[in-house]
Amino acid sequence: TARRAEWWRPDRLATRRANLAARGRILAA
């Protein structure tokens, strides 16, 4: 629950940004 609380906050989203960028490249591949 703590992991998902306010998942949209800039600091929390920033921790996933590298993985999400990679997700986009993987989908393109």
PDB file of all heavy atoms in Angstrom:
ATOM      1  N   THR A   1       0.828  -1.203   0.000  1.00  0.00           N
ATOM      2  CA  THR A   1       0.000   0.000   0.000  1.00  0.00           C
ATOM      3  C   THR A   1       0.862   1.253   0.000  1.00  0.00           C
ATOM      4  O   THR A   1       0.591   2.228  -0.708  1.00  0.00           O
ATOM      5  CB  THR A   1      -0.934  -0.005   1.218  1.00  0.00           C
ATOM      6  OG1 THR A   1      -1.756  -1.177   1.174  1.00  0.00           O
ATOM      7  CG2 THR A   1      -1.814   1.219   1.235  1.00  0.00           C
ATOM      8  N   ALA A   2       1.926   1.231   0.787  1.00  0.00           N
ATOM      9  CA  ALA A   2       2.837   2.377   0.838  1.00  0.00           C
ATOM     10  C   ALA A   2       3.517   2.595  -0.512  1.00  0.00           C
ATOM     11  O   ALA A   2       3.708   3.729  -0.955  1.00  0.00           O
ATOM     12  CB  ALA A   2       3.881   2.159   1.926  1.00  0.00           C
ATOM     13  N   ARG A   3       3.869   1.503  -1.188  1.00  0.00           N
ATOM     14  CA  ARG A   3       4.514   1.596  -2.503  1.00  0.00           C
ATOM     15  C   ARG A   3       3.601   2.310  -3.494  1.00  0.00           C
ATOM     16  O   ARG A   3       4.061   3.103  -4.317  1.00  0.00           O
ATOM     17  CB  ARG A   3       4.851   0.187  -3.007  1.00  0.00           C
ATOM     18  CG  ARG A   3       5.307   0.134  -4.462  1.00  0.00           C
ATOM     19  CD  ARG A   3       5.449  -1.298  -4.946  1.00  0.00           C
ATOM     20  NE  ARG A   3       6.615  -1.915  -4.365  1.00  0.00           N
ATOM     21  CZ  ARG A   3       7.845  -1.837  -4.862  1.00  0.00           C
ATOM     22  NH1 ARG A   3       8.058  -1.142  -5.952  1.00  0.00           N
ATOM     23  NH2 ARG A   3       8.849  -2.431  -4.273  1.00  0.00           N
ATOM     24  N   ARG A   4       2.294   2.023  -3.422  1.00  0.00           N
ATOM     25  CA  ARG A   4       1.361   2.561  -4.401  1.00  0.00           C
ATOM     26  C   ARG A   4       0.782   3.917  -4.017  1.00  0.00           C
ATOM     27  O   ARG A   4       0.175   4.584  -4.844  1.00  0.00           O
ATOM     28  CB  ARG A   4       0.222   1.560  -4.634  1.00  0.00           C
ATOM     29  CG  ARG A   4       0.672   0.314  -5.377  1.00  0.00           C
ATOM     30  CD  ARG A   4      -0.460  -0.627  -5.631  1.00  0.00           C
ATOM     31  NE  ARG A   4      -0.949  -1.265  -4.422  1.00  0.00           N
ATOM     32  CZ  ARG A   4      -0.413  -2.331  -3.868  1.00  0.00           C
ATOM     33  NH1 ARG A   4       0.648  -2.890  -4.409  1.00  0.00           N
ATOM     34  NH2 ARG A   4      -0.918  -2.854  -2.773  1.00  0.00           N
ATOM     35  N   ALA A   5       0.936   4.332  -2.765  1.00  0.00           N
ATOM     36  CA  ALA A   5       0.352   5.602  -2.314  1.00  0.00           C
ATOM     37  C   ALA A   5       0.952   6.763  -3.100  1.00  0.00           C
ATOM     38  O   ALA A   5       2.175   6.907  -3.187  1.00  0.00           O
ATOM     39  CB  ALA A   5       0.582   5.790  -0.824  1.00  0.00           C
ATOM     40  N   GLU A   6       0.082   7.563  -3.694  1.00  0.00           N
ATOM     41  CA  GLU A   6       0.507   8.755  -4.438  1.00  0.00           C
ATOM     42  C   GLU A   6       1.653   8.425  -5.402  1.00  0.00           C
ATOM     43  O   GLU A   6       2.677   9.123  -5.473  1.00  0.00           O
ATOM     44  CB  GLU A   6       0.896   9.871  -3.471  1.00  0.00           C
ATOM     45  CG  GLU A   6      -0.275  10.329  -2.594  1.00  0.00           C
ATOM     46  CD  GLU A   6       0.060  11.522  -1.713  1.00  0.00           C
ATOM     47  OE1 GLU A   6       1.260  11.752  -1.445  1.00  0.00           O
ATOM     48  OE2 GLU A   6      -0.875  12.227  -1.311  1.00  0.00           O
ATOM     49  N   TRP A   7       1.441   7.347  -6.176  1.00  0.00           N
ATOM     50  CA  TRP A   7       2.465   6.879  -7.110  1.00  0.00           C
ATOM     51  C   TRP A   7       2.830   7.937  -8.157  1.00  0.00           C
ATOM     52  O   TRP A   7       3.886   7.887  -8.770  1.00  0.00           O
ATOM     53  CB  TRP A   7       1.978   5.616  -7.823  1.00  0.00           C
ATOM     54  CG  TRP A   7       0.665   5.808  -8.537  1.00  0.00           C
ATOM     55  CD1 TRP A   7      -0.574   5.530  -8.061  1.00  0.00           C
ATOM     56  CD2 TRP A   7       0.468   6.380  -9.840  1.00  0.00           C
ATOM     57  NE1 TRP A   7      -1.542   5.874  -8.976  1.00  0.00           N
ATOM     58  CE2 TRP A   7      -0.927   6.398 -10.080  1.00  0.00           C
ATOM     59  CE3 TRP A   7       1.332   6.873 -10.821  1.00  0.00           C
ATOM     60  CZ2 TRP A   7      -1.479   6.886 -11.259  1.00  0.00           C
ATOM     61  CZ3 TRP A   7       0.777   7.362 -12.007  1.00  0.00           C
ATOM     62  CH2 TRP A   7      -0.610   7.367 -12.218  1.00  0.00           C
ATOM     63  N   TRP A   8       1.946   8.917  -8.341  1.00  0.00           N
ATOM     64  CA  TRP A   8       2.118   9.937  -9.366  1.00  0.00           C
ATOM     65  C   TRP A   8       3.022  11.089  -8.942  1.00  0.00           C
ATOM     66  O   TRP A   8       3.359  11.953  -9.758  1.00  0.00           O
ATOM     67  CB  TRP A   8       0.740  10.522  -9.715  1.00  0.00           C
ATOM     68  CG  TRP A   8      -0.058  10.830  -8.477  1.00  0.00           C
ATOM     69  CD1 TRP A   8      -0.967  10.023  -7.867  1.00  0.00           C
ATOM     70  CD2 TRP A   8       0.054  11.999  -7.661  1.00  0.00           C
ATOM     71  NE1 TRP A   8      -1.464  10.606  -6.729  1.00  0.00           N
ATOM     72  CE2 TRP A   8      -0.853  11.836  -6.579  1.00  0.00           C
ATOM     73  CE3 TRP A   8       0.792  13.173  -7.736  1.00  0.00           C
ATOM     74  CZ2 TRP A   8      -1.010  12.791  -5.577  1.00  0.00           C
ATOM     75  CZ3 TRP A   8       0.637  14.130  -6.744  1.00  0.00           C
ATOM     76  CH2 TRP A   8      -0.261  13.927  -5.681  1.00  0.00           C
ATOM     77  N   ARG A   9       3.392  11.119  -7.667  1.00  0.00           N
ATOM     78  CA  ARG A   9       4.228  12.238  -7.202  1.00  0.00           C
ATOM     79  C   ARG A   9       5.526  12.300  -8.027  1.00  0.00           C
ATOM     80  O   ARG A   9       6.106  11.266  -8.361  1.00  0.00           O
ATOM     81  CB  ARG A   9       4.566  12.079  -5.734  1.00  0.00           C
ATOM     82  CG  ARG A   9       3.354  12.226  -4.798  1.00  0.00           C
ATOM     83  CD  ARG A   9       3.771  12.009  -3.345  1.00  0.00           C
ATOM     84  NE  ARG A   9       4.693  13.039  -2.931  1.00  0.00           N
ATOM     85  CZ  ARG A   9       4.322  14.218  -2.394  1.00  0.00           C
ATOM     86  NH1 ARG A   9       3.041  14.480  -2.206  1.00  0.00           N
ATOM     87  NH2 ARG A   9       5.216  15.113  -2.039  1.00  0.00           N
ATOM     88  N   PRO A  10       5.994  13.516  -8.356  1.00  0.00           N
ATOM     89  CA  PRO A  10       7.185  13.630  -9.208  1.00  0.00           C
ATOM     90  C   PRO A  10       8.388  12.843  -8.700  1.00  0.00           C
ATOM     91  O   PRO A  10       9.106  12.224  -9.492  1.00  0.00           O
ATOM     92  CB  PRO A  10       7.461  15.143  -9.221  1.00  0.00           C
ATOM     93  CG  PRO A  10       6.116  15.758  -9.016  1.00  0.00           C
ATOM     94  CD  PRO A  10       5.392  14.836  -8.070  1.00  0.00           C
ATOM     95  N   ASP A  11       8.622  12.837  -7.382  1.00  0.00           N
ATOM     96  CA  ASP A  11       9.787  12.128  -6.870  1.00  0.00           C
ATOM     97  C   ASP A  11       9.635  10.622  -7.035  1.00  0.00           C
ATOM     98  O   ASP A  11      10.608   9.911  -7.322  1.00  0.00           O
ATOM     99  CB  ASP A  11      10.031  12.493  -5.401  1.00  0.00           C
ATOM    100  CG  ASP A  11       8.839  12.200  -4.503  1.00  0.00           C
ATOM    101  OD1 ASP A  11       7.683  12.233  -4.997  1.00  0.00           O
ATOM    102  OD2 ASP A  11       9.048  11.948  -3.297  1.00  0.00           O
ATOM    103  N   ARG A  12       8.417  10.129  -6.883  1.00  0.00           N
ATOM    104  CA  ARG A  12       8.207   8.687  -7.030  1.00  0.00           C
ATOM    105  C   ARG A  12       8.209   8.269  -8.497  1.00  0.00           C
ATOM    106  O   ARG A  12       8.713   7.203  -8.843  1.00  0.00           O
ATOM    107  CB  ARG A  12       6.906   8.281  -6.336  1.00  0.00           C
ATOM    108  CG  ARG A  12       6.995   8.497  -4.827  1.00  0.00           C
ATOM    109  CD  ARG A  12       5.776   8.051  -4.078  1.00  0.00           C
ATOM    110  NE  ARG A  12       5.945   8.327  -2.654  1.00  0.00           N
ATOM    111  CZ  ARG A  12       5.041   8.061  -1.727  1.00  0.00           C
ATOM    112  NH1 ARG A  12       3.890   7.511  -2.070  1.00  0.00           N
ATOM    113  NH2 ARG A  12       5.273   8.340  -0.456  1.00  0.00           N
ATOM    114  N   LEU A  13       7.621   9.084  -9.340  1.00  0.00           N
ATOM    115  CA  LEU A  13       7.652   8.782 -10.768  1.00  0.00           C
ATOM    116  C   LEU A  13       9.081   8.815 -11.294  1.00  0.00           C
ATOM    117  O   LEU A  13       9.469   7.997 -12.149  1.00  0.00           O
ATOM    118  CB  LEU A  13       6.777   9.786 -11.521  1.00  0.00           C
ATOM    119  CG  LEU A  13       6.629   9.582 -13.031  1.00  0.00           C
ATOM    120  CD1 LEU A  13       6.103   8.191 -13.343  1.00  0.00           C
ATOM    121  CD2 LEU A  13       5.732  10.650 -13.628  1.00  0.00           C
ATOM    122  N   ALA A  14       9.888   9.720 -10.754  1.00  0.00           N
ATOM    123  CA  ALA A  14      11.278   9.833 -11.213  1.00  0.00           C
ATOM    124  C   ALA A  14      12.056   8.551 -10.991  1.00  0.00           C
ATOM    125  O   ALA A  14      12.948   8.217 -11.778  1.00  0.00           O
ATOM    126  CB  ALA A  14      11.971  10.993 -10.500  1.00  0.00           C
ATOM    127  N   THR A  15      11.724   7.800  -9.929  1.00  0.00           N
ATOM    128  CA  THR A  15      12.450   6.557  -9.667  1.00  0.00           C
ATOM    129  C   THR A  15      12.158   5.491 -10.709  1.00  0.00           C
ATOM    130  O   THR A  15      12.914   4.529 -10.839  1.00  0.00           O
ATOM    131  CB  THR A  15      12.111   5.999  -8.268  1.00  0.00           C
ATOM    132  OG1 THR A  15      10.727   5.615  -8.234  1.00  0.00           O
ATOM    133  CG2 THR A  15      12.394   7.018  -7.181  1.00  0.00           C
ATOM    134  N   ARG A  16      11.057   5.659 -11.467  1.00  0.00           N
ATOM    135  CA  ARG A  16      10.690   4.669 -12.482  1.00  0.00           C
ATOM    136  C   ARG A  16      10.997   5.137 -13.899  1.00  0.00           C
ATOM    137  O   ARG A  16      10.820   4.369 -14.851  1.00  0.00           O
ATOM    138  CB  ARG A  16       9.186   4.341 -12.394  1.00  0.00           C
ATOM    139  CG  ARG A  16       8.720   3.869 -11.031  1.00  0.00           C
ATOM    140  CD  ARG A  16       7.375   3.141 -11.106  1.00  0.00           C
ATOM    141  NE  ARG A  16       6.317   3.904 -11.731  1.00  0.00           N
ATOM    142  CZ  ARG A  16       5.628   4.897 -11.143  1.00  0.00           C
ATOM    143  NH1 ARG A  16       5.941   5.247  -9.898  1.00  0.00           N
ATOM    144  NH2 ARG A  16       4.672   5.543 -11.778  1.00  0.00           N
ATOM    145  N   ARG A  17      11.412   6.385 -14.044  1.00  0.00           N
ATOM    146  CA  ARG A  17      11.530   6.952 -15.382  1.00  0.00           C
ATOM    147  C   ARG A  17      12.497   6.179 -16.277  1.00  0.00           C
ATOM    148  O   ARG A  17      12.238   5.982 -17.472  1.00  0.00           O
ATOM    149  CB  ARG A  17      11.946   8.423 -15.293  1.00  0.00           C
ATOM    150  CG  ARG A  17      10.841   9.363 -14.821  1.00  0.00           C
ATOM    151  CD  ARG A  17       9.775   9.564 -15.881  1.00  0.00           C
ATOM    152  NE  ARG A  17      10.300  10.268 -17.049  1.00  0.00           N
ATOM    153  CZ  ARG A  17      10.366  11.581 -17.155  1.00  0.00           C
ATOM    154  NH1 ARG A  17       9.934  12.363 -16.163  1.00  0.00           N
ATOM    155  NH2 ARG A  17      10.849  12.141 -18.246  1.00  0.00           N
ATOM    156  N   ALA A  18      13.617   5.745 -15.743  1.00  0.00           N
ATOM    157  CA  ALA A  18      14.577   4.995 -16.564  1.00  0.00           C
ATOM    158  C   ALA A  18      13.970   3.679 -17.038  1.00  0.00           C
ATOM    159  O   ALA A  18      14.125   3.289 -18.200  1.00  0.00           O
ATOM    160  CB  ALA A  18      15.851   4.730 -15.769  1.00  0.00           C
ATOM    161  N   ASN A  19      13.279   2.977 -16.132  1.00  0.00           N
ATOM    162  CA  ASN A  19      12.643   1.719 -16.519  1.00  0.00           C
ATOM    163  C   ASN A  19      11.549   1.948 -17.554  1.00  0.00           C
ATOM    164  O   ASN A  19      11.374   1.142 -18.486  1.00  0.00           O
ATOM    165  CB  ASN A  19      12.033   1.042 -15.288  1.00  0.00           C
ATOM    166  CG  ASN A  19      13.080   0.529 -14.322  1.00  0.00           C
ATOM    167  OD1 ASN A  19      14.243   0.344 -14.692  1.00  0.00           O
ATOM    168  ND2 ASN A  19      12.679   0.303 -13.084  1.00  0.00           N
ATOM    169  N   LEU A  20      10.804   3.040 -17.410  1.00  0.00           N
ATOM    170  CA  LEU A  20       9.718   3.314 -18.338  1.00  0.00           C
ATOM    171  C   LEU A  20      10.244   3.718 -19.710  1.00  0.00           C
ATOM    172  O   LEU A  20       9.659   3.372 -20.744  1.00  0.00           O
ATOM    173  CB  LEU A  20       8.804   4.391 -17.765  1.00  0.00           C
ATOM    174  CG  LEU A  20       8.086   3.977 -16.468  1.00  0.00           C
ATOM    175  CD1 LEU A  20       7.336   5.161 -15.873  1.00  0.00           C
ATOM    176  CD2 LEU A  20       7.133   2.806 -16.712  1.00  0.00           C
ATOM    177  N   ALA A  21      11.368   4.438 -19.721  1.00  0.00           N
ATOM    178  CA  ALA A  21      12.005   4.750 -21.001  1.00  0.00           C
ATOM    179  C   ALA A  21      12.459   3.464 -21.686  1.00  0.00           C
ATOM    180  O   ALA A  21      12.282   3.284 -22.898  1.00  0.00           O
ATOM    181  CB  ALA A  21      13.184   5.699 -20.784  1.00  0.00           C
ATOM    182  N   ALA A  22      13.040   2.550 -20.902  1.00  0.00           N
ATOM    183  CA  ALA A  22      13.452   1.260 -21.460  1.00  0.00           C
ATOM    184  C   ALA A  22      12.242   0.472 -21.945  1.00  0.00           C
ATOM    185  O   ALA A  22      12.302  -0.201 -22.984  1.00  0.00           O
ATOM    186  CB  ALA A  22      14.227   0.462 -20.410  1.00  0.00           C
ATOM    187  N   ARG A  23      11.128   0.556 -21.209  1.00  0.00           N
ATOM    188  CA  ARG A  23       9.905  -0.135 -21.621  1.00  0.00           C
ATOM    189  C   ARG A  23       9.491   0.301 -23.032  1.00  0.00           C
ATOM    190  O   ARG A  23       9.111  -0.525 -23.866  1.00  0.00           O
ATOM    191  CB  ARG A  23       8.787   0.159 -20.618  1.00  0.00           C
ATOM    192  CG  ARG A  23       7.486  -0.576 -20.886  1.00  0.00           C
ATOM    193  CD  ARG A  23       6.378  -0.156 -19.936  1.00  0.00           C
ATOM    194  NE  ARG A  23       5.161  -0.904 -20.183  1.00  0.00           N
ATOM    195  CZ  ARG A  23       4.709  -1.907 -19.440  1.00  0.00           C
ATOM    196  NH1 ARG A  23       5.381  -2.265 -18.353  1.00  0.00           N
ATOM    197  NH2 ARG A  23       3.588  -2.534 -19.762  1.00  0.00           N
ATOM    198  N   GLY A  24       9.580   1.608 -23.291  1.00  0.00           N
ATOM    199  CA  GLY A  24       9.230   2.100 -24.614  1.00  0.00           C
ATOM    200  C   GLY A  24      10.144   1.559 -25.696  1.00  0.00           C
ATOM    201  O   GLY A  24       9.691   1.193 -26.790  1.00  0.00           O
ATOM    202  N   ARG A  25      11.449   1.495 -25.408  1.00  0.00           N
ATOM    203  CA  ARG A  25      12.391   0.962 -26.396  1.00  0.00           C
ATOM    204  C   ARG A  25      12.152  -0.526 -26.630  1.00  0.00           C
ATOM    205  O   ARG A  25      12.241  -1.017 -27.754  1.00  0.00           O
ATOM    206  CB  ARG A  25      13.832   1.203 -25.931  1.00  0.00           C
ATOM    207  CG  ARG A  25      14.234   2.675 -25.869  1.00  0.00           C
ATOM    208  CD  ARG A  25      15.732   2.830 -25.685  1.00  0.00           C
ATOM    209  NE  ARG A  25      16.212   2.238 -24.441  1.00  0.00           N
ATOM    210  CZ  ARG A  25      16.258   2.880 -23.271  1.00  0.00           C
ATOM    211  NH1 ARG A  25      15.826   4.126 -23.182  1.00  0.00           N
ATOM    212  NH2 ARG A  25      16.735   2.288 -22.194  1.00  0.00           N
ATOM    213  N   ILE A  26      11.824  -1.250 -25.552  1.00  0.00           N
ATOM    214  CA  ILE A  26      11.554  -2.685 -25.669  1.00  0.00           C
ATOM    215  C   ILE A  26      10.310  -2.919 -26.521  1.00  0.00           C
ATOM    216  O   ILE A  26      10.290  -3.797 -27.389  1.00  0.00           O
ATOM    217  CB  ILE A  26      11.407  -3.316 -24.270  1.00  0.00           C
ATOM    218  CG1 ILE A  26      12.764  -3.315 -23.556  1.00  0.00           C
ATOM    219  CG2 ILE A  26      10.848  -4.725 -24.345  1.00  0.00           C
ATOM    220  CD1 ILE A  26      12.678  -3.585 -22.066  1.00  0.00           C
ATOM    221  N   LEU A  27       9.270  -2.125 -26.297  1.00  0.00           N
ATOM    222  CA  LEU A  27       8.052  -2.271 -27.090  1.00  0.00           C
ATOM    223  C   LEU A  27       8.329  -1.979 -28.560  1.00  0.00           C
ATOM    224  O   LEU A  27       7.818  -2.673 -29.453  1.00  0.00           O
ATOM    225  CB  LEU A  27       6.964  -1.348 -26.549  1.00  0.00           C
ATOM    226  CG  LEU A  27       5.628  -1.367 -27.314  1.00  0.00           C
ATOM    227  CD1 LEU A  27       5.067  -2.777 -27.419  1.00  0.00           C
ATOM    228  CD2 LEU A  27       4.622  -0.443 -26.639  1.00  0.00           C
ATOM    229  N   ALA A  28       9.144  -0.966 -28.833  1.00  0.00           N
ATOM    230  CA  ALA A  28       9.496  -0.670 -30.223  1.00  0.00           C
ATOM    231  C   ALA A  28      10.230  -1.844 -30.858  1.00  0.00           C
ATOM    232  O   ALA A  28       9.982  -2.204 -32.026  1.00  0.00           O
ATOM    233  CB  ALA A  28      10.347   0.595 -30.287  1.00  0.00           C
ATOM    234  N   ALA A  29      11.117  -2.479 -30.091  1.00  0.00           N
ATOM    235  CA  ALA A  29      11.847  -3.632 -30.607  1.00  0.00           C
ATOM    236  C   ALA A  29      10.902  -4.799 -30.879  1.00  0.00           C
ATOM    237  O   ALA A  29      11.064  -5.536 -31.865  1.00  0.00           O
ATOM    238  CB  ALA A  29      12.932  -4.055 -29.616  1.00  0.00           C
TER     239      ALA A  29
END
